[in-house]
Amino acid sequence: MLPFGLFGQYSPEQLDSIVSEWKKETTTDKNDRKVYELLNELYNQVLQSDKGELNSDMPGRINDFFTDRNSKNTHILSLFLFYQDYFAQPSYDPVYQLRLLTKLEKEIKEIYGEIPVIIYVYKVEALDSNHFQSRDVIEEGLKKYPDSVPLKVYSYLSTKDESLKMDLIQHHSRHWMVQQFNIVDKSF
C-alpha cells in the first residue's frame, strides 16, 4: 500500500489506475477524519511552526496508521506521500508535480468536502513552479486559513503589501519562511 519507491512519472491514466488500486485496498469514510488530521499535523509541524521541522514521532505515527487494518482513507495519505517523494527528487517535473497535486486535491475534496491548508500551500508552490498565476489560490486559502504564515508569506511576495509585511515581521519574525525570504524591516 505504501507508495515509497514509486518515483516514476505516470500518465494521467496510469496515475488514475494506481489511485484506483489504492482505493480498492482501503475503506473510504467521509466521517473518519484521521488522514485529514494527519495532514493538518504535518502542516503545523513543517510549514506553520517557526522551526519548520517534522517531530520525531511523526514517521512512526504514519507507519502505525498504515499498518492498522482499521485505518480508513489510506489512499489519500498514500497519494500525499507519493507526492512528497516525487517532489523530493532532484529532477522532478513541475508539470507532473501539478498533476499529482491536482489529483490529490480532488481525492481529498471527494472524501472530506474541503481542502486542508497544506494543499493550498503546495498548490501555490506548484503553480509558481509552472509559472502560473497563484494569486487566486493564495486569496482562497487565506479566506479559509487566515492565520497561515506560509500563505501570508506567499501573498506578501506576490503583492509586496507593506501591511502584510509588517504583520509578518511583528508576529512571525522567527518563522523559517519569513527568515528564508529575508522579510525584514529595512527602515532601521
N, C-alpha and C. Protein backbone atom coordinates (compact mmCIF):
# COMPACT_ATOMS: atom_id res chain seq x y z
N MET A 1 0.82 -1.20 0.00
CA MET A 1 0.00 0.00 0.00
C MET A 1 0.86 1.26 0.00
N LEU A 2 2.00 1.22 0.69
CA LEU A 2 2.82 2.42 0.76
C LEU A 2 3.43 2.74 -0.59
N PRO A 3 3.42 4.02 -0.97
CA PRO A 3 3.90 4.40 -2.29
C PRO A 3 5.39 4.63 -2.37
N PHE A 4 6.15 4.37 -1.31
CA PHE A 4 7.57 4.66 -1.36
C PHE A 4 8.23 3.89 -2.49
N GLY A 5 9.14 4.56 -3.15
CA GLY A 5 9.87 3.94 -4.24
C GLY A 5 9.17 4.07 -5.58
N LEU A 6 8.01 4.69 -5.61
CA LEU A 6 7.29 4.88 -6.87
C LEU A 6 7.61 6.25 -7.44
N PHE A 7 8.88 6.52 -7.65
CA PHE A 7 9.29 7.85 -8.05
C PHE A 7 9.02 8.16 -9.51
N GLY A 8 8.67 7.17 -10.27
CA GLY A 8 8.48 7.37 -11.69
C GLY A 8 7.37 8.33 -12.02
N GLN A 9 7.35 8.69 -13.25
CA GLN A 9 6.32 9.60 -13.74
C GLN A 9 5.31 8.78 -14.51
N TYR A 10 4.04 8.99 -14.21
CA TYR A 10 2.98 8.20 -14.81
C TYR A 10 2.06 9.08 -15.62
N SER A 11 1.49 8.50 -16.65
CA SER A 11 0.49 9.23 -17.43
C SER A 11 -0.72 9.45 -16.54
N PRO A 12 -1.61 10.39 -16.90
CA PRO A 12 -2.82 10.59 -16.09
C PRO A 12 -3.62 9.29 -15.92
N GLU A 13 -3.66 8.49 -16.97
CA GLU A 13 -4.41 7.22 -16.90
C GLU A 13 -3.74 6.26 -15.92
N GLN A 14 -2.42 6.17 -15.99
CA GLN A 14 -1.69 5.29 -15.08
C GLN A 14 -1.85 5.75 -13.63
N LEU A 15 -1.77 7.05 -13.42
CA LEU A 15 -1.94 7.59 -12.08
C LEU A 15 -3.35 7.30 -11.56
N ASP A 16 -4.34 7.49 -12.41
CA ASP A 16 -5.72 7.15 -12.02
C ASP A 16 -5.83 5.68 -11.65
N SER A 17 -5.17 4.82 -12.41
CA SER A 17 -5.20 3.39 -12.15
C SER A 17 -4.55 3.05 -10.81
N ILE A 18 -3.40 3.67 -10.53
CA ILE A 18 -2.72 3.43 -9.26
C ILE A 18 -3.60 3.85 -8.09
N VAL A 19 -4.18 5.04 -8.19
CA VAL A 19 -5.04 5.53 -7.11
C VAL A 19 -6.27 4.65 -6.98
N SER A 20 -6.81 4.19 -8.09
CA SER A 20 -7.97 3.27 -8.03
C SER A 20 -7.62 1.99 -7.30
N GLU A 21 -6.43 1.46 -7.56
CA GLU A 21 -5.99 0.26 -6.84
C GLU A 21 -5.85 0.54 -5.35
N TRP A 22 -5.27 1.68 -4.99
CA TRP A 22 -5.16 2.03 -3.58
C TRP A 22 -6.53 2.16 -2.94
N LYS A 23 -7.48 2.73 -3.69
CA LYS A 23 -8.83 2.91 -3.15
C LYS A 23 -9.52 1.56 -2.93
N LYS A 24 -9.22 0.59 -3.77
CA LYS A 24 -9.80 -0.75 -3.60
C LYS A 24 -9.30 -1.41 -2.32
N GLU A 25 -8.09 -1.04 -1.90
CA GLU A 25 -7.47 -1.66 -0.74
C GLU A 25 -7.78 -0.94 0.57
N THR A 26 -8.63 0.06 0.52
CA THR A 26 -8.96 0.80 1.73
C THR A 26 -10.46 0.99 1.84
N THR A 27 -10.88 1.35 3.02
CA THR A 27 -12.26 1.73 3.24
C THR A 27 -12.32 3.25 3.20
N THR A 28 -13.19 3.79 2.39
CA THR A 28 -13.36 5.24 2.40
C THR A 28 -14.51 5.58 3.33
N ASP A 29 -14.30 6.62 4.10
CA ASP A 29 -15.29 7.02 5.09
C ASP A 29 -15.19 8.53 5.27
N LYS A 30 -16.23 9.24 4.84
CA LYS A 30 -16.24 10.70 4.93
C LYS A 30 -16.21 11.18 6.38
N ASN A 31 -16.63 10.34 7.31
CA ASN A 31 -16.67 10.74 8.71
C ASN A 31 -15.38 10.44 9.47
N ASP A 32 -14.50 9.67 8.87
CA ASP A 32 -13.22 9.35 9.51
C ASP A 32 -12.22 10.43 9.10
N ARG A 33 -11.84 11.27 10.03
CA ARG A 33 -11.01 12.44 9.72
C ARG A 33 -9.53 12.24 10.08
N LYS A 34 -9.14 11.01 10.34
CA LYS A 34 -7.76 10.73 10.77
C LYS A 34 -6.73 11.23 9.74
N VAL A 35 -6.94 10.95 8.47
CA VAL A 35 -5.99 11.39 7.45
C VAL A 35 -5.98 12.91 7.37
N TYR A 36 -7.14 13.50 7.41
CA TYR A 36 -7.24 14.96 7.36
C TYR A 36 -6.47 15.57 8.54
N GLU A 37 -6.63 14.99 9.71
CA GLU A 37 -5.92 15.47 10.90
C GLU A 37 -4.42 15.27 10.77
N LEU A 38 -4.00 14.14 10.20
CA LEU A 38 -2.57 13.92 9.98
C LEU A 38 -1.99 14.97 9.03
N LEU A 39 -2.72 15.29 7.97
CA LEU A 39 -2.27 16.32 7.04
C LEU A 39 -2.14 17.67 7.75
N ASN A 40 -3.10 17.98 8.61
CA ASN A 40 -3.02 19.23 9.37
C ASN A 40 -1.85 19.22 10.34
N GLU A 41 -1.59 18.08 10.96
CA GLU A 41 -0.43 17.99 11.86
C GLU A 41 0.88 18.17 11.09
N LEU A 42 0.97 17.56 9.93
CA LEU A 42 2.17 17.73 9.10
C LEU A 42 2.36 19.20 8.75
N TYR A 43 1.27 19.85 8.37
CA TYR A 43 1.33 21.28 8.06
C TYR A 43 1.81 22.07 9.28
N ASN A 44 1.21 21.83 10.42
CA ASN A 44 1.56 22.59 11.62
C ASN A 44 3.01 22.38 12.03
N GLN A 45 3.50 21.17 11.88
CA GLN A 45 4.88 20.88 12.27
C GLN A 45 5.90 21.45 11.28
N VAL A 46 5.63 21.27 10.00
CA VAL A 46 6.65 21.60 9.00
C VAL A 46 6.49 22.99 8.40
N LEU A 47 5.26 23.42 8.16
CA LEU A 47 5.07 24.69 7.47
C LEU A 47 4.66 25.85 8.38
N GLN A 48 3.86 25.60 9.37
CA GLN A 48 3.35 26.68 10.20
C GLN A 48 4.28 27.01 11.38
N SER A 49 5.02 26.04 11.84
CA SER A 49 5.88 26.27 13.01
C SER A 49 7.10 27.12 12.64
N ASP A 50 7.65 27.75 13.64
CA ASP A 50 8.85 28.56 13.41
C ASP A 50 10.02 27.72 12.92
N LYS A 51 10.19 26.53 13.50
CA LYS A 51 11.34 25.68 13.16
C LYS A 51 11.21 25.03 11.78
N GLY A 52 10.00 24.66 11.41
CA GLY A 52 9.80 24.01 10.12
C GLY A 52 10.36 22.60 10.07
N GLU A 53 10.24 21.88 11.18
CA GLU A 53 10.77 20.53 11.24
C GLU A 53 9.69 19.55 11.68
N LEU A 54 9.78 18.36 11.14
CA LEU A 54 8.87 17.29 11.49
C LEU A 54 9.24 16.74 12.87
N ASN A 55 8.25 16.56 13.74
CA ASN A 55 8.50 15.95 15.04
C ASN A 55 9.00 14.52 14.83
N SER A 56 9.86 14.07 15.70
CA SER A 56 10.50 12.77 15.54
C SER A 56 9.51 11.60 15.60
N ASP A 57 8.36 11.79 16.23
CA ASP A 57 7.39 10.70 16.34
C ASP A 57 6.48 10.56 15.12
N MET A 58 6.46 11.55 14.24
CA MET A 58 5.51 11.54 13.12
C MET A 58 5.73 10.38 12.15
N PRO A 59 6.95 10.05 11.74
CA PRO A 59 7.10 8.91 10.83
C PRO A 59 6.53 7.62 11.43
N GLY A 60 6.74 7.40 12.70
CA GLY A 60 6.19 6.22 13.37
C GLY A 60 4.68 6.24 13.40
N ARG A 61 4.11 7.41 13.63
CA ARG A 61 2.66 7.53 13.65
C ARG A 61 2.06 7.24 12.27
N ILE A 62 2.74 7.71 11.24
CA ILE A 62 2.26 7.44 9.88
C ILE A 62 2.37 5.94 9.58
N ASN A 63 3.48 5.35 9.96
CA ASN A 63 3.65 3.91 9.77
C ASN A 63 2.57 3.13 10.53
N ASP A 64 2.30 3.54 11.77
CA ASP A 64 1.25 2.88 12.56
C ASP A 64 -0.10 3.00 11.87
N PHE A 65 -0.36 4.15 11.28
CA PHE A 65 -1.61 4.36 10.56
C PHE A 65 -1.75 3.35 9.42
N PHE A 66 -0.67 3.18 8.66
CA PHE A 66 -0.72 2.26 7.52
C PHE A 66 -0.79 0.79 7.96
N THR A 67 -0.20 0.46 9.07
CA THR A 67 -0.21 -0.94 9.50
C THR A 67 -1.48 -1.31 10.26
N ASP A 68 -2.26 -0.34 10.66
CA ASP A 68 -3.52 -0.60 11.35
C ASP A 68 -4.58 -0.97 10.30
N ARG A 69 -5.06 -2.19 10.36
CA ARG A 69 -6.04 -2.68 9.37
C ARG A 69 -7.36 -1.92 9.43
N ASN A 70 -7.59 -1.18 10.50
CA ASN A 70 -8.83 -0.42 10.64
C ASN A 70 -8.73 1.00 10.09
N SER A 71 -7.55 1.39 9.61
CA SER A 71 -7.37 2.73 9.07
C SER A 71 -8.20 2.90 7.80
N LYS A 72 -8.75 4.08 7.66
CA LYS A 72 -9.60 4.39 6.51
C LYS A 72 -8.99 5.54 5.71
N ASN A 73 -9.39 5.62 4.47
CA ASN A 73 -8.95 6.69 3.57
C ASN A 73 -7.44 6.69 3.37
N THR A 74 -6.84 5.51 3.44
CA THR A 74 -5.39 5.42 3.32
C THR A 74 -4.88 5.84 1.94
N HIS A 75 -5.75 5.75 0.94
CA HIS A 75 -5.31 6.14 -0.41
C HIS A 75 -4.93 7.63 -0.46
N ILE A 76 -5.57 8.45 0.36
CA ILE A 76 -5.24 9.87 0.37
C ILE A 76 -3.84 10.08 0.94
N LEU A 77 -3.56 9.44 2.06
CA LEU A 77 -2.23 9.59 2.64
C LEU A 77 -1.17 8.96 1.74
N SER A 78 -1.51 7.86 1.08
CA SER A 78 -0.57 7.24 0.12
C SER A 78 -0.24 8.22 -1.00
N LEU A 79 -1.26 8.85 -1.55
CA LEU A 79 -1.04 9.81 -2.65
C LEU A 79 -0.26 11.02 -2.15
N PHE A 80 -0.55 11.47 -0.94
CA PHE A 80 0.20 12.58 -0.36
C PHE A 80 1.68 12.22 -0.24
N LEU A 81 1.98 11.05 0.29
CA LEU A 81 3.37 10.63 0.45
C LEU A 81 4.04 10.40 -0.90
N PHE A 82 3.27 9.89 -1.85
CA PHE A 82 3.79 9.73 -3.21
C PHE A 82 4.18 11.10 -3.77
N TYR A 83 3.32 12.09 -3.56
CA TYR A 83 3.61 13.46 -4.00
C TYR A 83 4.90 13.96 -3.33
N GLN A 84 4.99 13.77 -2.01
CA GLN A 84 6.16 14.21 -1.26
C GLN A 84 7.43 13.55 -1.81
N ASP A 85 7.37 12.24 -2.03
CA ASP A 85 8.53 11.52 -2.54
C ASP A 85 8.93 12.01 -3.93
N TYR A 86 7.95 12.21 -4.78
CA TYR A 86 8.25 12.66 -6.13
C TYR A 86 8.86 14.05 -6.11
N PHE A 87 8.26 14.94 -5.33
CA PHE A 87 8.73 16.32 -5.27
C PHE A 87 10.15 16.41 -4.71
N ALA A 88 10.54 15.48 -3.87
CA ALA A 88 11.87 15.48 -3.28
C ALA A 88 12.96 15.02 -4.25
N GLN A 89 12.57 14.48 -5.39
CA GLN A 89 13.56 14.01 -6.36
C GLN A 89 14.26 15.21 -6.99
N PRO A 90 15.56 15.11 -7.20
CA PRO A 90 16.32 16.25 -7.73
C PRO A 90 15.87 16.68 -9.13
N SER A 91 15.32 15.78 -9.89
CA SER A 91 14.93 16.14 -11.26
C SER A 91 13.42 16.03 -11.46
N TYR A 92 12.66 16.47 -10.47
CA TYR A 92 11.22 16.38 -10.61
C TYR A 92 10.73 17.32 -11.72
N ASP A 93 9.61 16.97 -12.32
CA ASP A 93 9.00 17.75 -13.39
C ASP A 93 7.87 18.59 -12.79
N PRO A 94 7.95 19.93 -12.86
CA PRO A 94 6.92 20.77 -12.26
C PRO A 94 5.52 20.55 -12.85
N VAL A 95 5.44 20.17 -14.11
CA VAL A 95 4.13 19.89 -14.72
C VAL A 95 3.52 18.65 -14.07
N TYR A 96 4.35 17.64 -13.89
CA TYR A 96 3.87 16.41 -13.24
C TYR A 96 3.56 16.67 -11.77
N GLN A 97 4.35 17.53 -11.13
CA GLN A 97 4.09 17.93 -9.75
C GLN A 97 2.67 18.50 -9.64
N LEU A 98 2.30 19.36 -10.55
CA LEU A 98 0.98 19.97 -10.53
C LEU A 98 -0.11 18.93 -10.80
N ARG A 99 0.18 17.97 -11.69
CA ARG A 99 -0.78 16.90 -11.98
C ARG A 99 -1.03 16.06 -10.72
N LEU A 100 0.03 15.69 -10.03
CA LEU A 100 -0.11 14.91 -8.80
C LEU A 100 -0.90 15.68 -7.75
N LEU A 101 -0.58 16.93 -7.60
CA LEU A 101 -1.26 17.75 -6.60
C LEU A 101 -2.73 17.93 -6.94
N THR A 102 -3.05 18.11 -8.19
CA THR A 102 -4.45 18.23 -8.62
C THR A 102 -5.22 16.95 -8.31
N LYS A 103 -4.60 15.81 -8.56
CA LYS A 103 -5.22 14.52 -8.25
C LYS A 103 -5.43 14.39 -6.74
N LEU A 104 -4.44 14.75 -5.97
CA LEU A 104 -4.54 14.69 -4.51
C LEU A 104 -5.66 15.60 -4.01
N GLU A 105 -5.70 16.80 -4.51
CA GLU A 105 -6.74 17.75 -4.12
C GLU A 105 -8.14 17.20 -4.42
N LYS A 106 -8.29 16.60 -5.59
CA LYS A 106 -9.58 16.02 -5.99
C LYS A 106 -10.00 14.89 -5.05
N GLU A 107 -9.06 14.02 -4.72
CA GLU A 107 -9.35 12.89 -3.84
C GLU A 107 -9.74 13.37 -2.43
N ILE A 108 -9.04 14.37 -1.94
CA ILE A 108 -9.35 14.90 -0.60
C ILE A 108 -10.72 15.54 -0.60
N LYS A 109 -10.98 16.34 -1.61
CA LYS A 109 -12.27 17.04 -1.67
C LYS A 109 -13.43 16.05 -1.81
N GLU A 110 -13.19 14.97 -2.56
CA GLU A 110 -14.22 13.95 -2.75
C GLU A 110 -14.61 13.29 -1.42
N ILE A 111 -13.64 13.08 -0.56
CA ILE A 111 -13.91 12.44 0.73
C ILE A 111 -14.38 13.45 1.78
N TYR A 112 -13.65 14.53 1.92
CA TYR A 112 -13.89 15.44 3.04
C TYR A 112 -14.71 16.69 2.69
N GLY A 113 -14.83 16.99 1.42
CA GLY A 113 -15.60 18.16 1.02
C GLY A 113 -14.89 19.47 1.26
N GLU A 114 -13.65 19.42 1.70
CA GLU A 114 -12.86 20.61 1.95
C GLU A 114 -11.39 20.27 1.76
N ILE A 115 -10.60 21.30 1.65
CA ILE A 115 -9.17 21.12 1.38
C ILE A 115 -8.37 21.60 2.58
N PRO A 116 -7.43 20.79 3.08
CA PRO A 116 -6.59 21.25 4.19
C PRO A 116 -5.60 22.31 3.72
N VAL A 117 -5.15 23.10 4.65
CA VAL A 117 -4.27 24.23 4.33
C VAL A 117 -2.98 23.79 3.65
N ILE A 118 -2.45 22.62 4.00
CA ILE A 118 -1.20 22.16 3.39
C ILE A 118 -1.33 22.04 1.87
N ILE A 119 -2.51 21.68 1.41
CA ILE A 119 -2.73 21.54 -0.04
C ILE A 119 -2.73 22.91 -0.71
N TYR A 120 -3.31 23.91 -0.05
CA TYR A 120 -3.24 25.27 -0.61
C TYR A 120 -1.80 25.73 -0.75
N VAL A 121 -1.00 25.50 0.27
CA VAL A 121 0.40 25.92 0.22
C VAL A 121 1.13 25.19 -0.90
N TYR A 122 0.96 23.89 -0.98
CA TYR A 122 1.62 23.12 -2.05
C TYR A 122 1.12 23.53 -3.43
N LYS A 123 -0.15 23.86 -3.53
CA LYS A 123 -0.70 24.27 -4.83
C LYS A 123 -0.08 25.60 -5.27
N VAL A 124 0.08 26.52 -4.35
CA VAL A 124 0.75 27.78 -4.68
C VAL A 124 2.15 27.50 -5.20
N GLU A 125 2.88 26.64 -4.51
CA GLU A 125 4.24 26.31 -4.92
C GLU A 125 4.26 25.63 -6.28
N ALA A 126 3.32 24.72 -6.51
CA ALA A 126 3.26 24.02 -7.80
C ALA A 126 2.92 24.98 -8.93
N LEU A 127 1.97 25.86 -8.70
CA LEU A 127 1.61 26.85 -9.73
C LEU A 127 2.79 27.77 -10.01
N ASP A 128 3.45 28.24 -8.96
CA ASP A 128 4.61 29.10 -9.15
C ASP A 128 5.73 28.38 -9.91
N SER A 129 5.94 27.09 -9.61
CA SER A 129 6.97 26.31 -10.31
C SER A 129 6.68 26.21 -11.80
N ASN A 130 5.40 26.25 -12.14
CA ASN A 130 4.98 26.16 -13.54
C ASN A 130 4.74 27.53 -14.17
N HIS A 131 5.10 28.57 -13.44
CA HIS A 131 4.94 29.95 -13.91
C HIS A 131 3.48 30.29 -14.20
N PHE A 132 2.59 29.72 -13.39
CA PHE A 132 1.17 30.04 -13.49
C PHE A 132 0.80 31.01 -12.38
N GLN A 133 -0.28 31.71 -12.56
CA GLN A 133 -0.78 32.65 -11.58
C GLN A 133 -1.29 31.90 -10.35
N SER A 134 -0.81 32.26 -9.18
CA SER A 134 -1.24 31.60 -7.95
C SER A 134 -2.04 32.52 -7.04
N ARG A 135 -2.24 33.75 -7.45
CA ARG A 135 -2.90 34.75 -6.60
C ARG A 135 -4.27 34.29 -6.11
N ASP A 136 -5.09 33.73 -7.01
CA ASP A 136 -6.44 33.29 -6.61
C ASP A 136 -6.38 32.19 -5.55
N VAL A 137 -5.43 31.29 -5.69
CA VAL A 137 -5.28 30.20 -4.72
C VAL A 137 -4.84 30.77 -3.37
N ILE A 138 -3.92 31.73 -3.39
CA ILE A 138 -3.47 32.36 -2.15
C ILE A 138 -4.66 33.03 -1.46
N GLU A 139 -5.43 33.80 -2.21
CA GLU A 139 -6.57 34.51 -1.63
C GLU A 139 -7.62 33.54 -1.08
N GLU A 140 -7.93 32.50 -1.84
CA GLU A 140 -8.89 31.50 -1.37
C GLU A 140 -8.38 30.81 -0.10
N GLY A 141 -7.11 30.46 -0.10
CA GLY A 141 -6.52 29.81 1.07
C GLY A 141 -6.54 30.72 2.29
N LEU A 142 -6.23 32.00 2.11
CA LEU A 142 -6.23 32.93 3.24
C LEU A 142 -7.64 33.20 3.76
N LYS A 143 -8.62 33.11 2.90
CA LYS A 143 -10.01 33.26 3.38
C LYS A 143 -10.37 32.12 4.32
N LYS A 144 -9.93 30.92 3.97
CA LYS A 144 -10.23 29.75 4.79
C LYS A 144 -9.28 29.59 5.96
N TYR A 145 -8.04 30.02 5.77
CA TYR A 145 -7.00 29.85 6.79
C TYR A 145 -6.24 31.17 6.97
N PRO A 146 -6.88 32.16 7.57
CA PRO A 146 -6.27 33.50 7.65
C PRO A 146 -5.00 33.58 8.50
N ASP A 147 -4.74 32.58 9.32
CA ASP A 147 -3.54 32.60 10.17
C ASP A 147 -2.38 31.82 9.56
N SER A 148 -2.52 31.37 8.34
CA SER A 148 -1.46 30.59 7.70
C SER A 148 -0.27 31.48 7.36
N VAL A 149 0.84 31.25 8.06
CA VAL A 149 2.04 32.03 7.80
C VAL A 149 2.57 31.79 6.39
N PRO A 150 2.65 30.53 5.91
CA PRO A 150 3.14 30.34 4.55
C PRO A 150 2.29 31.07 3.49
N LEU A 151 0.98 31.03 3.65
CA LEU A 151 0.13 31.74 2.69
C LEU A 151 0.32 33.25 2.79
N LYS A 152 0.52 33.75 4.00
CA LYS A 152 0.79 35.19 4.18
C LYS A 152 2.11 35.56 3.51
N VAL A 153 3.12 34.69 3.67
CA VAL A 153 4.41 34.95 3.04
C VAL A 153 4.25 34.98 1.52
N TYR A 154 3.58 33.99 0.96
CA TYR A 154 3.39 33.99 -0.50
C TYR A 154 2.56 35.17 -0.97
N SER A 155 1.59 35.57 -0.16
CA SER A 155 0.79 36.74 -0.51
C SER A 155 1.67 37.98 -0.52
N TYR A 156 2.49 38.13 0.50
CA TYR A 156 3.39 39.28 0.54
C TYR A 156 4.36 39.26 -0.65
N LEU A 157 4.92 38.12 -0.95
CA LEU A 157 5.88 38.03 -2.05
C LEU A 157 5.25 38.40 -3.39
N SER A 158 3.95 38.10 -3.53
CA SER A 158 3.30 38.41 -4.81
C SER A 158 2.73 39.83 -4.86
N THR A 159 2.44 40.42 -3.70
CA THR A 159 1.81 41.74 -3.71
C THR A 159 2.71 42.86 -3.20
N LYS A 160 3.68 42.51 -2.36
CA LYS A 160 4.54 43.48 -1.68
C LYS A 160 3.73 44.44 -0.80
N ASP A 161 2.62 43.93 -0.28
CA ASP A 161 1.74 44.68 0.62
C ASP A 161 2.49 44.99 1.92
N GLU A 162 2.73 46.26 2.18
CA GLU A 162 3.51 46.66 3.35
C GLU A 162 2.84 46.29 4.68
N SER A 163 1.51 46.34 4.74
CA SER A 163 0.84 45.98 5.99
C SER A 163 1.00 44.48 6.28
N LEU A 164 1.00 43.69 5.23
CA LEU A 164 1.23 42.26 5.39
C LEU A 164 2.68 42.00 5.81
N LYS A 165 3.59 42.73 5.23
CA LYS A 165 5.00 42.62 5.61
C LYS A 165 5.17 42.94 7.09
N MET A 166 4.54 44.02 7.56
CA MET A 166 4.66 44.41 8.96
C MET A 166 4.04 43.36 9.88
N ASP A 167 2.93 42.76 9.45
CA ASP A 167 2.32 41.68 10.23
C ASP A 167 3.29 40.51 10.37
N LEU A 168 3.92 40.14 9.27
CA LEU A 168 4.89 39.04 9.29
C LEU A 168 6.07 39.36 10.19
N ILE A 169 6.57 40.58 10.10
CA ILE A 169 7.73 40.98 10.90
C ILE A 169 7.36 41.04 12.39
N GLN A 170 6.21 41.63 12.69
CA GLN A 170 5.83 41.81 14.09
C GLN A 170 5.39 40.52 14.76
N HIS A 171 4.71 39.65 14.03
CA HIS A 171 4.12 38.46 14.66
C HIS A 171 4.80 37.13 14.30
N HIS A 172 5.61 37.14 13.26
CA HIS A 172 6.17 35.86 12.79
C HIS A 172 7.64 35.99 12.37
N SER A 173 8.36 36.90 12.99
CA SER A 173 9.74 37.16 12.56
C SER A 173 10.66 35.95 12.71
N ARG A 174 10.32 35.01 13.57
CA ARG A 174 11.15 33.82 13.76
C ARG A 174 10.75 32.65 12.87
N HIS A 175 9.68 32.83 12.11
CA HIS A 175 9.23 31.74 11.23
C HIS A 175 10.28 31.51 10.15
N TRP A 176 10.51 30.25 9.86
CA TRP A 176 11.58 29.88 8.92
C TRP A 176 11.37 30.47 7.53
N MET A 177 10.12 30.61 7.08
CA MET A 177 9.88 31.19 5.74
C MET A 177 10.13 32.69 5.73
N VAL A 178 9.75 33.36 6.81
CA VAL A 178 10.00 34.81 6.91
C VAL A 178 11.50 35.04 6.85
N GLN A 179 12.25 34.19 7.54
CA GLN A 179 13.71 34.32 7.51
C GLN A 179 14.29 33.90 6.17
N GLN A 180 13.78 32.82 5.60
CA GLN A 180 14.30 32.33 4.31
C GLN A 180 14.14 33.37 3.21
N PHE A 181 12.99 34.06 3.21
CA PHE A 181 12.75 35.07 2.18
C PHE A 181 13.20 36.45 2.61
N ASN A 182 13.92 36.50 3.73
CA ASN A 182 14.52 37.74 4.21
C ASN A 182 13.50 38.89 4.29
N ILE A 183 12.37 38.61 4.92
CA ILE A 183 11.34 39.62 5.09
C ILE A 183 11.65 40.34 6.40
N VAL A 184 12.27 41.48 6.25
CA VAL A 184 12.72 42.25 7.41
C VAL A 184 12.32 43.71 7.24
N ASP A 185 12.31 44.39 8.36
CA ASP A 185 12.01 45.83 8.36
C ASP A 185 13.32 46.55 8.05
N LYS A 186 13.41 47.14 6.91
CA LYS A 186 14.65 47.82 6.49
C LYS A 186 14.62 49.31 6.83
N SER A 187 13.62 49.73 7.60
CA SER A 187 13.53 51.14 7.92
C SER A 187 14.48 51.53 9.07
N PHE A 188 15.08 50.55 9.72
CA PHE A 188 16.01 50.85 10.82
C PHE A 188 17.41 50.95 10.33
